[in-house]
Amino acid sequence: MDGFELWQYNVDDPKHRPCCPEGGMGTLISPHYLTAAFPKLLEKNNLRHIRFHDLRHSCASLLLANGVPMKQIQEWLGHSDFSTTANVYAHLDYNSKLSSADAIANGLKGALTAIQ
């Protein structure tokens, strides 16, 4: 289902209409529309239930896993403070942990070589 199909999803039912009563492209989407339509979209496509907000976390996690710097993720998510992004997503930064472990191991090897 592409974006336009999602926009059209269940628009015939007034309580699920995504736009202003006049409808049409370029009008505002009702905040309730995503809340109501997203679970139906998941069910229709046999996907497990998640909150729409969970997509935000998935996006940030995928960006981090693909090497996007935390500062850029902060800007993408719109967090005003870097610490907010770092506190929420730092535990997912597995590559950073590997780099740190490698640096410690290399430092210890260098120290052992110097001692001998």
PDB file of N, CA and C in Angstrom:
ATOM      1  N   MET A   1       0.854  -1.165   0.000  1.00  0.00           N
ATOM      2  CA  MET A   1       0.000   0.000   0.000  1.00  0.00           C
ATOM      3  C   MET A   1       0.903   1.232   0.000  1.00  0.00           C
ATOM      4  N   ASP A   2       0.751   2.079  -1.009  1.00  0.00           N
ATOM      5  CA  ASP A   2       1.577   3.278  -1.059  1.00  0.00           C
ATOM      6  C   ASP A   2       0.933   4.406  -0.257  1.00  0.00           C
ATOM      7  N   GLY A   3       1.614   5.546  -0.207  1.00  0.00           N
ATOM      8  CA  GLY A   3       1.136   6.660   0.609  1.00  0.00           C
ATOM      9  C   GLY A   3      -0.242   7.161   0.210  1.00  0.00           C
ATOM     10  N   PHE A   4      -0.505   7.217  -1.106  1.00  0.00           N
ATOM     11  CA  PHE A   4      -1.805   7.713  -1.544  1.00  0.00           C
ATOM     12  C   PHE A   4      -2.909   6.740  -1.164  1.00  0.00           C
ATOM     13  N   GLU A   5      -2.613   5.429  -1.268  1.00  0.00           N
ATOM     14  CA  GLU A   5      -3.616   4.438  -0.869  1.00  0.00           C
ATOM     15  C   GLU A   5      -3.899   4.543   0.629  1.00  0.00           C
ATOM     16  N   LEU A   6      -2.849   4.780   1.428  1.00  0.00           N
ATOM     17  CA  LEU A   6      -3.043   4.961   2.863  1.00  0.00           C
ATOM     18  C   LEU A   6      -3.908   6.195   3.114  1.00  0.00           C
ATOM     19  N   TRP A   7      -3.674   7.257   2.348  1.00  0.00           N
ATOM     20  CA  TRP A   7      -4.448   8.483   2.501  1.00  0.00           C
ATOM     21  C   TRP A   7      -5.917   8.219   2.200  1.00  0.00           C
ATOM     22  N   GLN A   8      -6.178   7.403   1.178  1.00  0.00           N
ATOM     23  CA  GLN A   8      -7.547   7.111   0.782  1.00  0.00           C
ATOM     24  C   GLN A   8      -8.218   6.091   1.692  1.00  0.00           C
ATOM     25  N   TYR A   9      -7.426   5.372   2.483  1.00  0.00           N
ATOM     26  CA  TYR A   9      -7.944   4.260   3.274  1.00  0.00           C
ATOM     27  C   TYR A   9      -9.132   4.691   4.125  1.00  0.00           C
ATOM     28  N   ASN A  10     -10.267   4.149   3.831  1.00  0.00           N
ATOM     29  CA  ASN A  10     -11.483   4.339   4.621  1.00  0.00           C
ATOM     30  C   ASN A  10     -11.979   5.787   4.641  1.00  0.00           C
ATOM     31  N   VAL A  11     -11.682   6.556   3.593  1.00  0.00           N
ATOM     32  CA  VAL A  11     -12.124   7.949   3.595  1.00  0.00           C
ATOM     33  C   VAL A  11     -13.630   8.086   3.394  1.00  0.00           C
ATOM     34  N   ASP A  12     -14.284   7.022   2.957  1.00  0.00           N
ATOM     35  CA  ASP A  12     -15.731   7.099   2.776  1.00  0.00           C
ATOM     36  C   ASP A  12     -16.464   7.139   4.112  1.00  0.00           C
ATOM     37  N   ASP A  13     -15.810   6.674   5.158  1.00  0.00           N
ATOM     38  CA  ASP A  13     -16.406   6.713   6.491  1.00  0.00           C
ATOM     39  C   ASP A  13     -16.043   8.064   7.110  1.00  0.00           C
ATOM     40  N   PRO A  14     -17.023   8.964   7.328  1.00  0.00           N
ATOM     41  CA  PRO A  14     -16.707  10.316   7.816  1.00  0.00           C
ATOM     42  C   PRO A  14     -15.865  10.359   9.080  1.00  0.00           C
ATOM     43  N   LYS A  15     -16.023   9.391   9.973  1.00  0.00           N
ATOM     44  CA  LYS A  15     -15.236   9.456  11.207  1.00  0.00           C
ATOM     45  C   LYS A  15     -13.781   9.075  10.982  1.00  0.00           C
ATOM     46  N   HIS A  16     -13.467   8.496   9.814  1.00  0.00           N
ATOM     47  CA  HIS A  16     -12.084   8.148   9.503  1.00  0.00           C
ATOM     48  C   HIS A  16     -11.527   8.973   8.351  1.00  0.00           C
ATOM     49  N   ARG A  17     -12.268   9.985   7.934  1.00  0.00           N
ATOM     50  CA  ARG A  17     -11.825  10.820   6.824  1.00  0.00           C
ATOM     51  C   ARG A  17     -10.548  11.552   7.243  1.00  0.00           C
ATOM     52  N   PRO A  18      -9.492  11.470   6.418  1.00  0.00           N
ATOM     53  CA  PRO A  18      -8.209  12.045   6.825  1.00  0.00           C
ATOM     54  C   PRO A  18      -8.138  13.552   6.740  1.00  0.00           C
ATOM     55  N   CYS A  19      -9.011  14.171   5.969  1.00  0.00           N
ATOM     56  CA  CYS A  19      -8.871  15.594   5.711  1.00  0.00           C
ATOM     57  C   CYS A  19     -10.042  16.383   6.264  1.00  0.00           C
ATOM     58  N   CYS A  20      -9.969  17.649   6.042  1.00  0.00           N
ATOM     59  CA  CYS A  20     -11.082  18.523   6.395  1.00  0.00           C
ATOM     60  C   CYS A  20     -12.337  18.037   5.678  1.00  0.00           C
ATOM     61  N   PRO A  21     -13.520  18.417   6.140  1.00  0.00           N
ATOM     62  CA  PRO A  21     -14.749  17.950   5.506  1.00  0.00           C
ATOM     63  C   PRO A  21     -14.785  18.177   3.993  1.00  0.00           C
ATOM     64  N   GLU A  22     -14.124  19.241   3.518  1.00  0.00           N
ATOM     65  CA  GLU A  22     -14.114  19.486   2.083  1.00  0.00           C
ATOM     66  C   GLU A  22     -13.289  18.421   1.356  1.00  0.00           C
ATOM     67  N   GLY A  23     -12.315  17.838   2.051  1.00  0.00           N
ATOM     68  CA  GLY A  23     -11.469  16.789   1.482  1.00  0.00           C
ATOM     69  C   GLY A  23     -10.551  17.329   0.405  1.00  0.00           C
ATOM     70  N   GLY A  24      -9.909  16.414  -0.302  1.00  0.00           N
ATOM     71  CA  GLY A  24      -9.050  16.794  -1.410  1.00  0.00           C
ATOM     72  C   GLY A  24      -7.593  16.889  -1.011  1.00  0.00           C
ATOM     73  N   MET A  25      -6.746  16.818  -2.022  1.00  0.00           N
ATOM     74  CA  MET A  25      -5.305  16.903  -1.789  1.00  0.00           C
ATOM     75  C   MET A  25      -4.942  18.306  -1.315  1.00  0.00           C
ATOM     76  N   GLY A  26      -3.967  18.405  -0.469  1.00  0.00           N
ATOM     77  CA  GLY A  26      -3.486  19.685   0.011  1.00  0.00           C
ATOM     78  C   GLY A  26      -4.181  20.186   1.260  1.00  0.00           C
ATOM     79  N   THR A  27      -5.160  19.450   1.754  1.00  0.00           N
ATOM     80  CA  THR A  27      -5.817  19.864   2.985  1.00  0.00           C
ATOM     81  C   THR A  27      -5.151  19.166   4.152  1.00  0.00           C
ATOM     82  N   LEU A  28      -5.376  19.673   5.333  1.00  0.00           N
ATOM     83  CA  LEU A  28      -4.747  19.117   6.523  1.00  0.00           C
ATOM     84  C   LEU A  28      -5.300  17.741   6.860  1.00  0.00           C
ATOM     85  N   ILE A  29      -4.439  16.893   7.388  1.00  0.00           N
ATOM     86  CA  ILE A  29      -4.854  15.570   7.849  1.00  0.00           C
ATOM     87  C   ILE A  29      -5.255  15.678   9.311  1.00  0.00           C
ATOM     88  N   SER A  30      -6.370  15.116   9.646  1.00  0.00           N
ATOM     89  CA  SER A  30      -6.834  15.107  11.027  1.00  0.00           C
ATOM     90  C   SER A  30      -5.873  14.277  11.879  1.00  0.00           C
ATOM     91  N   PRO A  31      -5.470  14.758  13.047  1.00  0.00           N
ATOM     92  CA  PRO A  31      -4.576  13.970  13.909  1.00  0.00           C
ATOM     93  C   PRO A  31      -5.167  12.607  14.264  1.00  0.00           C
ATOM     94  N   HIS A  32      -6.479  12.536  14.382  1.00  0.00           N
ATOM     95  CA  HIS A  32      -7.129  11.269  14.725  1.00  0.00           C
ATOM     96  C   HIS A  32      -7.011  10.244  13.599  1.00  0.00           C
ATOM     97  N   TYR A  33      -6.857  10.715  12.370  1.00  0.00           N
ATOM     98  CA  TYR A  33      -6.846   9.801  11.229  1.00  0.00           C
ATOM     99  C   TYR A  33      -5.749   8.752  11.344  1.00  0.00           C
ATOM    100  N   LEU A  34      -4.511   9.171  11.631  1.00  0.00           N
ATOM    101  CA  LEU A  34      -3.419   8.200  11.740  1.00  0.00           C
ATOM    102  C   LEU A  34      -3.649   7.236  12.894  1.00  0.00           C
ATOM    103  N   THR A  35      -4.143   7.769  13.993  1.00  0.00           N
ATOM    104  CA  THR A  35      -4.416   6.921  15.154  1.00  0.00           C
ATOM    105  C   THR A  35      -5.440   5.843  14.805  1.00  0.00           C
ATOM    106  N   ALA A  36      -6.448   6.206  14.035  1.00  0.00           N
ATOM    107  CA  ALA A  36      -7.511   5.257  13.687  1.00  0.00           C
ATOM    108  C   ALA A  36      -7.127   4.349  12.522  1.00  0.00           C
ATOM    109  N   ALA A  37      -6.431   4.893  11.525  1.00  0.00           N
ATOM    110  CA  ALA A  37      -6.154   4.131  10.306  1.00  0.00           C
ATOM    111  C   ALA A  37      -4.969   3.193  10.442  1.00  0.00           C
ATOM    112  N   PHE A  38      -3.968   3.550  11.243  1.00  0.00           N
ATOM    113  CA  PHE A  38      -2.758   2.740  11.323  1.00  0.00           C
ATOM    114  C   PHE A  38      -3.019   1.316  11.823  1.00  0.00           C
ATOM    115  N   PRO A  39      -3.769   1.104  12.906  1.00  0.00           N
ATOM    116  CA  PRO A  39      -4.037  -0.267  13.337  1.00  0.00           C
ATOM    117  C   PRO A  39      -4.801  -1.072  12.274  1.00  0.00           C
ATOM    118  N   LYS A  40      -5.693  -0.415  11.552  1.00  0.00           N
ATOM    119  CA  LYS A  40      -6.436  -1.100  10.489  1.00  0.00           C
ATOM    120  C   LYS A  40      -5.511  -1.495   9.346  1.00  0.00           C
ATOM    121  N   LEU A  41      -4.565  -0.622   9.033  1.00  0.00           N
ATOM    122  CA  LEU A  41      -3.580  -0.927   8.001  1.00  0.00           C
ATOM    123  C   LEU A  41      -2.751  -2.144   8.392  1.00  0.00           C
ATOM    124  N   LEU A  42      -2.316  -2.199   9.657  1.00  0.00           N
ATOM    125  CA  LEU A  42      -1.542  -3.347  10.139  1.00  0.00           C
ATOM    126  C   LEU A  42      -2.362  -4.630  10.055  1.00  0.00           C
ATOM    127  N   GLU A  43      -3.596  -4.560  10.528  1.00  0.00           N
ATOM    128  CA  GLU A  43      -4.458  -5.741  10.531  1.00  0.00           C
ATOM    129  C   GLU A  43      -4.733  -6.217   9.109  1.00  0.00           C
ATOM    130  N   LYS A  44      -5.017  -5.302   8.225  1.00  0.00           N
ATOM    131  CA  LYS A  44      -5.320  -5.646   6.835  1.00  0.00           C
ATOM    132  C   LYS A  44      -4.147  -6.359   6.172  1.00  0.00           C
ATOM    133  N   ASN A  45      -2.932  -6.022   6.578  1.00  0.00           N
ATOM    134  CA  ASN A  45      -1.725  -6.605   5.985  1.00  0.00           C
ATOM    135  C   ASN A  45      -1.094  -7.685   6.855  1.00  0.00           C
ATOM    136  N   ASN A  46      -1.864  -8.182   7.838  1.00  0.00           N
ATOM    137  CA  ASN A  46      -1.427  -9.268   8.723  1.00  0.00           C
ATOM    138  C   ASN A  46      -0.108  -8.963   9.431  1.00  0.00           C
ATOM    139  N   LEU A  47       0.026  -7.731   9.900  1.00  0.00           N
ATOM    140  CA  LEU A  47       1.202  -7.323  10.656  1.00  0.00           C
ATOM    141  C   LEU A  47       0.824  -7.197  12.120  1.00  0.00           C
ATOM    142  N   ARG A  48       1.795  -7.423  12.998  1.00  0.00           N
ATOM    143  CA  ARG A  48       1.503  -7.343  14.422  1.00  0.00           C
ATOM    144  C   ARG A  48       1.220  -5.905  14.819  1.00  0.00           C
ATOM    145  N   HIS A  49       0.454  -5.743  15.874  1.00  0.00           N
ATOM    146  CA  HIS A  49       0.077  -4.413  16.356  1.00  0.00           C
ATOM    147  C   HIS A  49       1.278  -3.709  16.971  1.00  0.00           C
ATOM    148  N   ILE A  50       1.524  -2.510  16.522  1.00  0.00           N
ATOM    149  CA  ILE A  50       2.473  -1.604  17.160  1.00  0.00           C
ATOM    150  C   ILE A  50       1.822  -0.224  17.163  1.00  0.00           C
ATOM    151  N   ARG A  51       2.324   0.648  18.008  1.00  0.00           N
ATOM    152  CA  ARG A  51       1.831   2.025  18.002  1.00  0.00           C
ATOM    153  C   ARG A  51       2.481   2.774  16.837  1.00  0.00           C
ATOM    154  N   PHE A  52       1.803   3.751  16.299  1.00  0.00           N
ATOM    155  CA  PHE A  52       2.368   4.552  15.212  1.00  0.00           C
ATOM    156  C   PHE A  52       3.680   5.185  15.668  1.00  0.00           C
ATOM    157  N   HIS A  53       3.735   5.614  16.922  1.00  0.00           N
ATOM    158  CA  HIS A  53       4.937   6.246  17.477  1.00  0.00           C
ATOM    159  C   HIS A  53       6.141   5.291  17.447  1.00  0.00           C
ATOM    160  N   ASP A  54       5.888   3.981  17.486  1.00  0.00           N
ATOM    161  CA  ASP A  54       6.991   3.016  17.456  1.00  0.00           C
ATOM    162  C   ASP A  54       7.788   3.104  16.159  1.00  0.00           C
ATOM    163  N   LEU A  55       7.174   3.591  15.090  1.00  0.00           N
ATOM    164  CA  LEU A  55       7.890   3.768  13.830  1.00  0.00           C
ATOM    165  C   LEU A  55       9.013   4.789  13.977  1.00  0.00           C
ATOM    166  N   ARG A  56       8.804   5.771  14.829  1.00  0.00           N
ATOM    167  CA  ARG A  56       9.828   6.789  15.094  1.00  0.00           C
ATOM    168  C   ARG A  56      11.064   6.138  15.713  1.00  0.00           C
ATOM    169  N   HIS A  57      10.827   5.253  16.685  1.00  0.00           N
ATOM    170  CA  HIS A  57      11.949   4.551  17.325  1.00  0.00           C
ATOM    171  C   HIS A  57      12.633   3.604  16.347  1.00  0.00           C
ATOM    172  N   SER A  58      11.858   2.946  15.519  1.00  0.00           N
ATOM    173  CA  SER A  58      12.444   2.048  14.516  1.00  0.00           C
ATOM    174  C   SER A  58      13.328   2.832  13.559  1.00  0.00           C
ATOM    175  N   CYS A  59      12.850   3.977  13.128  1.00  0.00           N
ATOM    176  CA  CYS A  59      13.633   4.827  12.229  1.00  0.00           C
ATOM    177  C   CYS A  59      14.960   5.218  12.876  1.00  0.00           C
ATOM    178  N   ALA A  60      14.907   5.687  14.106  1.00  0.00           N
ATOM    179  CA  ALA A  60      16.128   6.106  14.797  1.00  0.00           C
ATOM    180  C   ALA A  60      17.083   4.931  14.976  1.00  0.00           C
ATOM    181  N   SER A  61      16.553   3.774  15.307  1.00  0.00           N
ATOM    182  CA  SER A  61      17.389   2.585  15.504  1.00  0.00           C
ATOM    183  C   SER A  61      18.063   2.170  14.205  1.00  0.00           C
ATOM    184  N   LEU A  62      17.325   2.213  13.110  1.00  0.00           N
ATOM    185  CA  LEU A  62      17.896   1.849  11.806  1.00  0.00           C
ATOM    186  C   LEU A  62      18.944   2.860  11.360  1.00  0.00           C
ATOM    187  N   LEU A  63      18.693   4.133  11.602  1.00  0.00           N
ATOM    188  CA  LEU A  63      19.693   5.148  11.268  1.00  0.00           C
ATOM    189  C   LEU A  63      20.983   4.901  12.041  1.00  0.00           C
ATOM    190  N   LEU A  64      20.857   4.644  13.328  1.00  0.00           N
ATOM    191  CA  LEU A  64      22.023   4.398  14.178  1.00  0.00           C
ATOM    192  C   LEU A  64      22.777   3.146  13.736  1.00  0.00           C
ATOM    193  N   ALA A  65      22.044   2.080  13.440  1.00  0.00           N
ATOM    194  CA  ALA A  65      22.663   0.820  13.013  1.00  0.00           C
ATOM    195  C   ALA A  65      23.392   0.967  11.681  1.00  0.00           C
ATOM    196  N   ASN A  66      22.996   1.954  10.889  1.00  0.00           N
ATOM    197  CA  ASN A  66      23.627   2.167   9.585  1.00  0.00           C
ATOM    198  C   ASN A  66      24.656   3.284   9.601  1.00  0.00           C
ATOM    199  N   GLY A  67      25.122   3.612  10.800  1.00  0.00           N
ATOM    200  CA  GLY A  67      26.257   4.515  10.934  1.00  0.00           C
ATOM    201  C   GLY A  67      25.950   5.992  10.893  1.00  0.00           C
ATOM    202  N   VAL A  68      24.687   6.366  10.975  1.00  0.00           N
ATOM    203  CA  VAL A  68      24.349   7.789  11.001  1.00  0.00           C
ATOM    204  C   VAL A  68      24.722   8.336  12.380  1.00  0.00           C
ATOM    205  N   PRO A  69      25.476   9.416  12.422  1.00  0.00           N
ATOM    206  CA  PRO A  69      25.901   9.970  13.718  1.00  0.00           C
ATOM    207  C   PRO A  69      24.707  10.393  14.587  1.00  0.00           C
ATOM    208  N   MET A  70      24.880  10.242  15.869  1.00  0.00           N
ATOM    209  CA  MET A  70      23.825  10.557  16.828  1.00  0.00           C
ATOM    210  C   MET A  70      23.343  12.008  16.684  1.00  0.00           C
ATOM    211  N   LYS A  71      24.240  12.926  16.361  1.00  0.00           N
ATOM    212  CA  LYS A  71      23.862  14.329  16.193  1.00  0.00           C
ATOM    213  C   LYS A  71      22.861  14.489  15.042  1.00  0.00           C
ATOM    214  N   GLN A  72      23.084  13.770  13.948  1.00  0.00           N
ATOM    215  CA  GLN A  72      22.162  13.843  12.814  1.00  0.00           C
ATOM    216  C   GLN A  72      20.820  13.210  13.160  1.00  0.00           C
ATOM    217  N   ILE A  73      20.851  12.145  13.956  1.00  0.00           N
ATOM    218  CA  ILE A  73      19.601  11.509  14.391  1.00  0.00           C
ATOM    219  C   ILE A  73      18.823  12.470  15.283  1.00  0.00           C
ATOM    220  N   GLN A  74      19.534  13.183  16.151  1.00  0.00           N
ATOM    221  CA  GLN A  74      18.887  14.195  17.001  1.00  0.00           C
ATOM    222  C   GLN A  74      18.158  15.218  16.143  1.00  0.00           C
ATOM    223  N   GLU A  75      18.815  15.685  15.096  1.00  0.00           N
ATOM    224  CA  GLU A  75      18.205  16.684  14.216  1.00  0.00           C
ATOM    225  C   GLU A  75      17.018  16.093  13.462  1.00  0.00           C
ATOM    226  N   TRP A  76      17.155  14.851  12.995  1.00  0.00           N
ATOM    227  CA  TRP A  76      16.080  14.179  12.264  1.00  0.00           C
ATOM    228  C   TRP A  76      14.830  14.031  13.138  1.00  0.00           C
ATOM    229  N   LEU A  77      15.047  13.660  14.404  1.00  0.00           N
ATOM    230  CA  LEU A  77      13.928  13.445  15.316  1.00  0.00           C
ATOM    231  C   LEU A  77      13.368  14.751  15.874  1.00  0.00           C
ATOM    232  N   GLY A  78      14.146  15.814  15.767  1.00  0.00           N
ATOM    233  CA  GLY A  78      13.680  17.103  16.265  1.00  0.00           C
ATOM    234  C   GLY A  78      13.867  17.293  17.756  1.00  0.00           C
ATOM    235  N   HIS A  79      14.764  16.499  18.364  1.00  0.00           N
ATOM    236  CA  HIS A  79      15.049  16.700  19.784  1.00  0.00           C
ATOM    237  C   HIS A  79      15.829  17.999  19.936  1.00  0.00           C
ATOM    238  N   SER A  80      15.409  18.856  20.845  1.00  0.00           N
ATOM    239  CA  SER A  80      16.093  20.128  21.032  1.00  0.00           C
ATOM    240  C   SER A  80      17.427  19.948  21.757  1.00  0.00           C
ATOM    241  N   ASP A  81      17.554  18.874  22.501  1.00  0.00           N
ATOM    242  CA  ASP A  81      18.765  18.634  23.293  1.00  0.00           C
ATOM    243  C   ASP A  81      19.379  17.298  22.880  1.00  0.00           C
ATOM    244  N   PHE A  82      20.690  17.315  22.602  1.00  0.00           N
ATOM    245  CA  PHE A  82      21.396  16.099  22.203  1.00  0.00           C
ATOM    246  C   PHE A  82      21.282  14.997  23.248  1.00  0.00           C
ATOM    247  N   SER A  83      21.269  15.390  24.519  1.00  0.00           N
ATOM    248  CA  SER A  83      21.229  14.387  25.594  1.00  0.00           C
ATOM    249  C   SER A  83      19.940  13.557  25.548  1.00  0.00           C
ATOM    250  N   THR A  84      18.856  14.141  25.069  1.00  0.00           N
ATOM    251  CA  THR A  84      17.606  13.386  24.950  1.00  0.00           C
ATOM    252  C   THR A  84      17.804  12.209  24.002  1.00  0.00           C
ATOM    253  N   THR A  85      18.366  12.481  22.834  1.00  0.00           N
ATOM    254  CA  THR A  85      18.613  11.427  21.845  1.00  0.00           C
ATOM    255  C   THR A  85      19.613  10.421  22.395  1.00  0.00           C
ATOM    256  N   ALA A  86      20.687  10.916  22.984  1.00  0.00           N
ATOM    257  CA  ALA A  86      21.731  10.031  23.501  1.00  0.00           C
ATOM    258  C   ALA A  86      21.187   9.129  24.607  1.00  0.00           C
ATOM    259  N   ASN A  87      20.381   9.676  25.494  1.00  0.00           N
ATOM    260  CA  ASN A  87      19.841   8.874  26.598  1.00  0.00           C
ATOM    261  C   ASN A  87      18.891   7.790  26.110  1.00  0.00           C
ATOM    262  N   VAL A  88      18.116   8.077  25.072  1.00  0.00           N
ATOM    263  CA  VAL A  88      17.139   7.106  24.580  1.00  0.00           C
ATOM    264  C   VAL A  88      17.791   6.037  23.712  1.00  0.00           C
ATOM    265  N   TYR A  89      18.788   6.418  22.891  1.00  0.00           N
ATOM    266  CA  TYR A  89      19.300   5.503  21.872  1.00  0.00           C
ATOM    267  C   TYR A  89      20.731   5.035  22.078  1.00  0.00           C
ATOM    268  N   ALA A  90      21.438   5.533  23.102  1.00  0.00           N
ATOM    269  CA  ALA A  90      22.838   5.159  23.284  1.00  0.00           C
ATOM    270  C   ALA A  90      23.018   3.660  23.487  1.00  0.00           C
ATOM    271  N   HIS A  91      22.074   3.006  24.149  1.00  0.00           N
ATOM    272  CA  HIS A  91      22.211   1.562  24.402  1.00  0.00           C
ATOM    273  C   HIS A  91      22.173   0.751  23.111  1.00  0.00           C
ATOM    274  N   LEU A  92      21.709   1.358  22.012  1.00  0.00           N
ATOM    275  CA  LEU A  92      21.652   0.649  20.736  1.00  0.00           C
ATOM    276  C   LEU A  92      22.918   0.810  19.910  1.00  0.00           C
ATOM    277  N   ASP A  93      23.813   1.672  20.348  1.00  0.00           N
ATOM    278  CA  ASP A  93      25.007   1.976  19.564  1.00  0.00           C
ATOM    279  C   ASP A  93      26.063   0.880  19.732  1.00  0.00           C
ATOM    280  N   TYR A  94      25.761  -0.292  19.189  1.00  0.00           N
ATOM    281  CA  TYR A  94      26.614  -1.472  19.318  1.00  0.00           C
ATOM    282  C   TYR A  94      27.971  -1.254  18.652  1.00  0.00           C
ATOM    283  N   ASN A  95      28.000  -0.617  17.493  1.00  0.00           N
ATOM    284  CA  ASN A  95      29.267  -0.387  16.791  1.00  0.00           C
ATOM    285  C   ASN A  95      30.208   0.472  17.620  1.00  0.00           C
ATOM    286  N   SER A  96      29.672   1.428  18.349  1.00  0.00           N
ATOM    287  CA  SER A  96      30.496   2.258  19.212  1.00  0.00           C
ATOM    288  C   SER A  96      31.128   1.417  20.325  1.00  0.00           C
ATOM    289  N   LYS A  97      30.344   0.474  20.854  1.00  0.00           N
ATOM    290  CA  LYS A  97      30.876  -0.409  21.898  1.00  0.00           C
ATOM    291  C   LYS A  97      31.995  -1.277  21.348  1.00  0.00           C
ATOM    292  N   LEU A  98      31.840  -1.774  20.121  1.00  0.00           N
ATOM    293  CA  LEU A  98      32.899  -2.582  19.503  1.00  0.00           C
ATOM    294  C   LEU A  98      34.160  -1.759  19.281  1.00  0.00           C
ATOM    295  N   SER A  99      33.998  -0.541  18.818  1.00  0.00           N
ATOM    296  CA  SER A  99      35.150   0.347  18.595  1.00  0.00           C
ATOM    297  C   SER A  99      35.873   0.621  19.905  1.00  0.00           C
ATOM    298  N   SER A 100      35.110   0.865  20.964  1.00  0.00           N
ATOM    299  CA  SER A 100      35.714   1.118  22.277  1.00  0.00           C
ATOM    300  C   SER A 100      36.466  -0.107  22.778  1.00  0.00           C
ATOM    301  N   ALA A 101      35.878  -1.266  22.618  1.00  0.00           N
ATOM    302  CA  ALA A 101      36.531  -2.512  23.056  1.00  0.00           C
ATOM    303  C   ALA A 101      37.815  -2.755  22.270  1.00  0.00           C
ATOM    304  N   ASP A 102      37.776  -2.501  20.964  1.00  0.00           N
ATOM    305  CA  ASP A 102      38.978  -2.663  20.138  1.00  0.00           C
ATOM    306  C   ASP A 102      40.075  -1.687  20.584  1.00  0.00           C
ATOM    307  N   ALA A 103      39.691  -0.450  20.890  1.00  0.00           N
ATOM    308  CA  ALA A 103      40.671   0.548  21.326  1.00  0.00           C
ATOM    309  C   ALA A 103      41.318   0.137  22.645  1.00  0.00           C
ATOM    310  N   ILE A 104      40.521  -0.382  23.565  1.00  0.00           N
ATOM    311  CA  ILE A 104      41.067  -0.843  24.848  1.00  0.00           C
ATOM    312  C   ILE A 104      42.005  -2.030  24.628  1.00  0.00           C
ATOM    313  N   ALA A 105      41.576  -2.977  23.803  1.00  0.00           N
ATOM    314  CA  ALA A 105      42.412  -4.152  23.525  1.00  0.00           C
ATOM    315  C   ALA A 105      43.734  -3.737  22.885  1.00  0.00           C
ATOM    316  N   ASN A 106      43.679  -2.836  21.919  1.00  0.00           N
ATOM    317  CA  ASN A 106      44.907  -2.370  21.278  1.00  0.00           C
ATOM    318  C   ASN A 106      45.797  -1.617  22.254  1.00  0.00           C
ATOM    319  N   GLY A 107      45.196  -0.828  23.123  1.00  0.00           N
ATOM    320  CA  GLY A 107      45.974  -0.118  24.145  1.00  0.00           C
ATOM    321  C   GLY A 107      46.665  -1.071  25.105  1.00  0.00           C
ATOM    322  N   LEU A 108      45.951  -2.108  25.515  1.00  0.00           N
ATOM    323  CA  LEU A 108      46.536  -3.110  26.416  1.00  0.00           C
ATOM    324  C   LEU A 108      47.649  -3.886  25.740  1.00  0.00           C
ATOM    325  N   LYS A 109      47.485  -4.213  24.469  1.00  0.00           N
ATOM    326  CA  LYS A 109      48.540  -4.908  23.724  1.00  0.00           C
ATOM    327  C   LYS A 109      49.802  -4.049  23.663  1.00  0.00           C
ATOM    328  N   GLY A 110      49.569  -2.748  23.396  1.00  0.00           N
ATOM    329  CA  GLY A 110      50.713  -1.811  23.329  1.00  0.00           C
ATOM    330  C   GLY A 110      51.395  -1.703  24.681  1.00  0.00           C
ATOM    331  N   ALA A 111      50.636  -1.674  25.756  1.00  0.00           N
ATOM    332  CA  ALA A 111      51.215  -1.571  27.087  1.00  0.00           C
ATOM    333  C   ALA A 111      51.998  -2.824  27.436  1.00  0.00           C
ATOM    334  N   LEU A 112      51.446  -3.995  27.102  1.00  0.00           N
ATOM    335  CA  LEU A 112      52.148  -5.255  27.378  1.00  0.00           C
ATOM    336  C   LEU A 112      53.434  -5.354  26.590  1.00  0.00           C
ATOM    337  N   THR A 113      53.420  -4.892  25.364  1.00  0.00           N
ATOM    338  CA  THR A 113      54.629  -4.918  24.523  1.00  0.00           C
ATOM    339  C   THR A 113      55.689  -4.001  25.110  1.00  0.00           C
ATOM    340  N   ALA A 114      55.297  -2.854  25.596  1.00  0.00           N
ATOM    341  CA  ALA A 114      56.246  -1.891  26.174  1.00  0.00           C
ATOM    342  C   ALA A 114      56.856  -2.432  27.458  1.00  0.00           C
ATOM    343  N   ILE A 115      56.106  -3.197  28.234  1.00  0.00           N
ATOM    344  CA  ILE A 115      56.584  -3.748  29.494  1.00  0.00           C
ATOM    345  C   ILE A 115      57.610  -4.851  29.246  1.00  0.00           C
ATOM    346  N   GLN A 116      57.404  -5.636  28.201  1.00  0.00           N
ATOM    347  CA  GLN A 116      58.282  -6.781  27.933  1.00  0.00           C
ATOM    348  C   GLN A 116      59.531  -6.304  27.330  1.00  0.00           C
TER     349      GLN A 116
END
